[in-house]
Amino acid sequence: MRPPQSLATPTATSGAPLLEREGELARLREVLDAAAHGHGGAAVVVGPAGIGKTSLLTATREAATESGFRVLAARG
């Protein structure tokens, strides 16, 4: 598995770039990097409605898919 692609300039589901999310994206990138090197982990994204949780997860899912991870997604 190759290392994850950059999450530096992801876009939200609307196609607009994610703004002021560098810290969150860096942490999610660390989790993907660790997984790519055989170290499992987890990330929990919490916050009030409308803060962009889904957009962060979408950007992470896209980066993981581009890096060769098999990605499963569900909604509830």
N, C-alpha and C. Protein backbone atom coordinates (compact mmCIF):
# COMPACT_ATOMS: atom_id res chain seq x y z
N MET A 1 0.85 -1.17 0.00
CA MET A 1 0.00 0.00 0.00
C MET A 1 0.90 1.23 0.00
N ARG A 2 0.62 2.17 -0.88
CA ARG A 2 1.45 3.37 -0.91
C ARG A 2 0.95 4.38 0.13
N PRO A 3 1.82 5.29 0.57
CA PRO A 3 1.41 6.29 1.56
C PRO A 3 0.25 7.13 1.06
N PRO A 4 -0.60 7.61 1.97
CA PRO A 4 -1.77 8.39 1.58
C PRO A 4 -1.41 9.65 0.80
N GLN A 5 -2.30 10.00 -0.11
CA GLN A 5 -2.15 11.24 -0.85
C GLN A 5 -2.34 12.41 0.11
N SER A 6 -1.92 13.55 -0.30
CA SER A 6 -2.03 14.74 0.53
C SER A 6 -3.48 15.10 0.80
N LEU A 7 -3.74 15.54 2.02
CA LEU A 7 -5.04 16.08 2.37
C LEU A 7 -4.94 17.60 2.45
N ALA A 8 -3.92 18.17 1.82
CA ALA A 8 -3.65 19.59 1.98
C ALA A 8 -4.72 20.48 1.36
N THR A 9 -5.29 20.08 0.23
CA THR A 9 -6.28 20.95 -0.42
C THR A 9 -7.53 20.17 -0.80
N PRO A 10 -8.12 19.46 0.16
CA PRO A 10 -9.33 18.73 -0.18
C PRO A 10 -10.50 19.67 -0.37
N THR A 11 -11.54 19.15 -0.96
CA THR A 11 -12.74 19.95 -1.14
C THR A 11 -13.89 19.32 -0.39
N ALA A 12 -14.82 20.13 -0.02
CA ALA A 12 -16.02 19.64 0.63
C ALA A 12 -16.90 18.97 -0.41
N THR A 13 -17.95 18.31 0.03
CA THR A 13 -18.83 17.62 -0.91
C THR A 13 -19.44 18.59 -1.92
N SER A 14 -19.50 19.87 -1.59
CA SER A 14 -20.03 20.87 -2.52
C SER A 14 -19.00 21.28 -3.56
N GLY A 15 -17.75 20.83 -3.41
CA GLY A 15 -16.69 21.21 -4.33
C GLY A 15 -15.89 22.40 -3.84
N ALA A 16 -16.33 23.05 -2.76
CA ALA A 16 -15.60 24.18 -2.20
C ALA A 16 -14.45 23.66 -1.35
N PRO A 17 -13.31 24.35 -1.34
CA PRO A 17 -12.19 23.89 -0.52
C PRO A 17 -12.51 23.97 0.97
N LEU A 18 -11.94 23.04 1.71
CA LEU A 18 -12.08 23.08 3.17
C LEU A 18 -11.18 24.19 3.69
N LEU A 19 -11.72 25.07 4.48
CA LEU A 19 -10.95 26.20 5.01
C LEU A 19 -10.70 26.02 6.50
N GLU A 20 -9.52 26.43 6.93
CA GLU A 20 -9.13 26.42 8.34
C GLU A 20 -9.29 25.04 8.96
N ARG A 21 -8.91 24.02 8.22
CA ARG A 21 -9.00 22.63 8.70
C ARG A 21 -7.64 21.95 8.71
N GLU A 22 -6.57 22.73 8.67
CA GLU A 22 -5.24 22.17 8.57
C GLU A 22 -4.92 21.21 9.72
N GLY A 23 -5.28 21.60 10.95
CA GLY A 23 -4.99 20.76 12.11
C GLY A 23 -5.72 19.43 12.06
N GLU A 24 -7.01 19.49 11.76
CA GLU A 24 -7.81 18.27 11.68
C GLU A 24 -7.33 17.37 10.55
N LEU A 25 -7.03 17.97 9.40
CA LEU A 25 -6.56 17.20 8.26
C LEU A 25 -5.20 16.58 8.53
N ALA A 26 -4.34 17.30 9.24
CA ALA A 26 -3.02 16.75 9.58
C ALA A 26 -3.17 15.53 10.47
N ARG A 27 -4.06 15.59 11.45
CA ARG A 27 -4.26 14.45 12.35
C ARG A 27 -4.83 13.26 11.60
N LEU A 28 -5.78 13.50 10.71
CA LEU A 28 -6.33 12.41 9.92
C LEU A 28 -5.28 11.83 8.97
N ARG A 29 -4.42 12.67 8.43
CA ARG A 29 -3.32 12.21 7.59
C ARG A 29 -2.37 11.32 8.38
N GLU A 30 -2.11 11.67 9.65
CA GLU A 30 -1.26 10.83 10.50
C GLU A 30 -1.85 9.44 10.69
N VAL A 31 -3.15 9.37 10.88
CA VAL A 31 -3.81 8.06 11.05
C VAL A 31 -3.68 7.24 9.77
N LEU A 32 -3.87 7.87 8.61
CA LEU A 32 -3.70 7.15 7.34
C LEU A 32 -2.26 6.72 7.13
N ASP A 33 -1.31 7.60 7.43
CA ASP A 33 0.11 7.25 7.29
C ASP A 33 0.46 6.05 8.15
N ALA A 34 -0.01 6.05 9.39
CA ALA A 34 0.27 4.93 10.30
C ALA A 34 -0.32 3.63 9.75
N ALA A 35 -1.55 3.70 9.26
CA ALA A 35 -2.20 2.51 8.70
C ALA A 35 -1.44 1.99 7.48
N ALA A 36 -0.95 2.90 6.66
CA ALA A 36 -0.19 2.51 5.47
C ALA A 36 1.09 1.78 5.84
N HIS A 37 1.58 2.03 7.05
CA HIS A 37 2.80 1.38 7.53
C HIS A 37 2.50 0.24 8.50
N GLY A 38 1.26 -0.23 8.51
CA GLY A 38 0.91 -1.40 9.31
C GLY A 38 0.53 -1.16 10.75
N HIS A 39 0.29 0.08 11.12
CA HIS A 39 -0.08 0.41 12.50
C HIS A 39 -1.53 0.89 12.53
N GLY A 40 -2.40 0.07 13.08
CA GLY A 40 -3.82 0.40 13.13
C GLY A 40 -4.09 1.58 14.05
N GLY A 41 -5.22 2.15 13.91
CA GLY A 41 -5.61 3.28 14.74
C GLY A 41 -7.04 3.66 14.46
N ALA A 42 -7.47 4.70 15.11
CA ALA A 42 -8.83 5.19 14.93
C ALA A 42 -8.84 6.70 15.12
N ALA A 43 -9.83 7.32 14.54
CA ALA A 43 -10.03 8.76 14.72
C ALA A 43 -11.51 8.98 14.96
N VAL A 44 -11.81 9.88 15.85
CA VAL A 44 -13.20 10.24 16.13
C VAL A 44 -13.36 11.72 15.79
N VAL A 45 -14.34 12.02 14.98
CA VAL A 45 -14.60 13.40 14.58
C VAL A 45 -15.90 13.83 15.25
N VAL A 46 -15.80 14.82 16.12
CA VAL A 46 -16.98 15.29 16.84
C VAL A 46 -17.13 16.80 16.66
N GLY A 47 -18.34 17.27 16.80
CA GLY A 47 -18.61 18.70 16.72
C GLY A 47 -20.08 18.93 16.46
N PRO A 48 -20.50 20.18 16.59
CA PRO A 48 -21.91 20.50 16.36
C PRO A 48 -22.30 20.34 14.89
N ALA A 49 -23.58 20.26 14.66
CA ALA A 49 -24.10 20.14 13.29
C ALA A 49 -23.62 21.32 12.44
N GLY A 50 -23.24 21.01 11.22
CA GLY A 50 -22.86 22.05 10.27
C GLY A 50 -21.41 22.50 10.35
N ILE A 51 -20.60 21.87 11.18
CA ILE A 51 -19.21 22.30 11.36
C ILE A 51 -18.28 21.73 10.28
N GLY A 52 -18.75 20.72 9.54
CA GLY A 52 -17.94 20.17 8.45
C GLY A 52 -17.37 18.79 8.72
N LYS A 53 -17.98 18.05 9.63
CA LYS A 53 -17.49 16.70 9.94
C LYS A 53 -17.55 15.79 8.71
N THR A 54 -18.66 15.84 8.01
CA THR A 54 -18.82 15.00 6.83
C THR A 54 -17.79 15.36 5.77
N SER A 55 -17.50 16.63 5.60
CA SER A 55 -16.51 17.06 4.61
C SER A 55 -15.12 16.56 4.98
N LEU A 56 -14.77 16.59 6.26
CA LEU A 56 -13.47 16.06 6.70
C LEU A 56 -13.38 14.57 6.41
N LEU A 57 -14.43 13.84 6.72
CA LEU A 57 -14.43 12.40 6.48
C LEU A 57 -14.42 12.08 5.00
N THR A 58 -15.11 12.88 4.19
CA THR A 58 -15.10 12.68 2.75
C THR A 58 -13.69 12.87 2.19
N ALA A 59 -13.02 13.91 2.61
CA ALA A 59 -11.65 14.17 2.15
C ALA A 59 -10.71 13.04 2.56
N THR A 60 -10.89 12.54 3.77
CA THR A 60 -10.06 11.44 4.26
C THR A 60 -10.35 10.17 3.49
N ARG A 61 -11.62 9.89 3.26
CA ARG A 61 -12.00 8.70 2.51
C ARG A 61 -11.44 8.75 1.09
N GLU A 62 -11.51 9.91 0.44
CA GLU A 62 -10.97 10.05 -0.91
C GLU A 62 -9.46 9.84 -0.94
N ALA A 63 -8.75 10.40 0.04
CA ALA A 63 -7.30 10.23 0.11
C ALA A 63 -6.94 8.76 0.35
N ALA A 64 -7.70 8.10 1.19
CA ALA A 64 -7.45 6.69 1.47
C ALA A 64 -7.67 5.84 0.22
N THR A 65 -8.75 6.11 -0.49
CA THR A 65 -9.05 5.36 -1.72
C THR A 65 -7.95 5.57 -2.75
N GLU A 66 -7.52 6.82 -2.93
CA GLU A 66 -6.45 7.12 -3.89
C GLU A 66 -5.14 6.45 -3.51
N SER A 67 -4.96 6.16 -2.23
CA SER A 67 -3.73 5.54 -1.76
C SER A 67 -3.79 4.02 -1.79
N GLY A 68 -4.90 3.47 -2.23
CA GLY A 68 -5.00 2.03 -2.37
C GLY A 68 -5.67 1.31 -1.22
N PHE A 69 -6.19 2.05 -0.26
CA PHE A 69 -6.93 1.42 0.83
C PHE A 69 -8.28 0.95 0.30
N ARG A 70 -8.77 -0.14 0.86
CA ARG A 70 -10.16 -0.53 0.59
C ARG A 70 -11.00 0.23 1.63
N VAL A 71 -11.91 1.05 1.16
CA VAL A 71 -12.69 1.92 2.04
C VAL A 71 -14.14 1.47 2.05
N LEU A 72 -14.65 1.29 3.26
CA LEU A 72 -16.06 0.96 3.45
C LEU A 72 -16.71 2.15 4.13
N ALA A 73 -17.92 2.48 3.74
CA ALA A 73 -18.60 3.62 4.33
C ALA A 73 -20.05 3.24 4.61
N ALA A 74 -20.59 3.83 5.66
CA ALA A 74 -21.99 3.60 6.01
C ALA A 74 -22.54 4.87 6.64
N ARG A 75 -23.83 5.02 6.61
CA ARG A 75 -24.50 6.16 7.25
C ARG A 75 -25.60 5.61 8.11
N GLY A 76 -25.87 6.32 9.18
CA GLY A 76 -26.93 5.85 10.06
C GLY A 76 -27.66 7.02 10.68
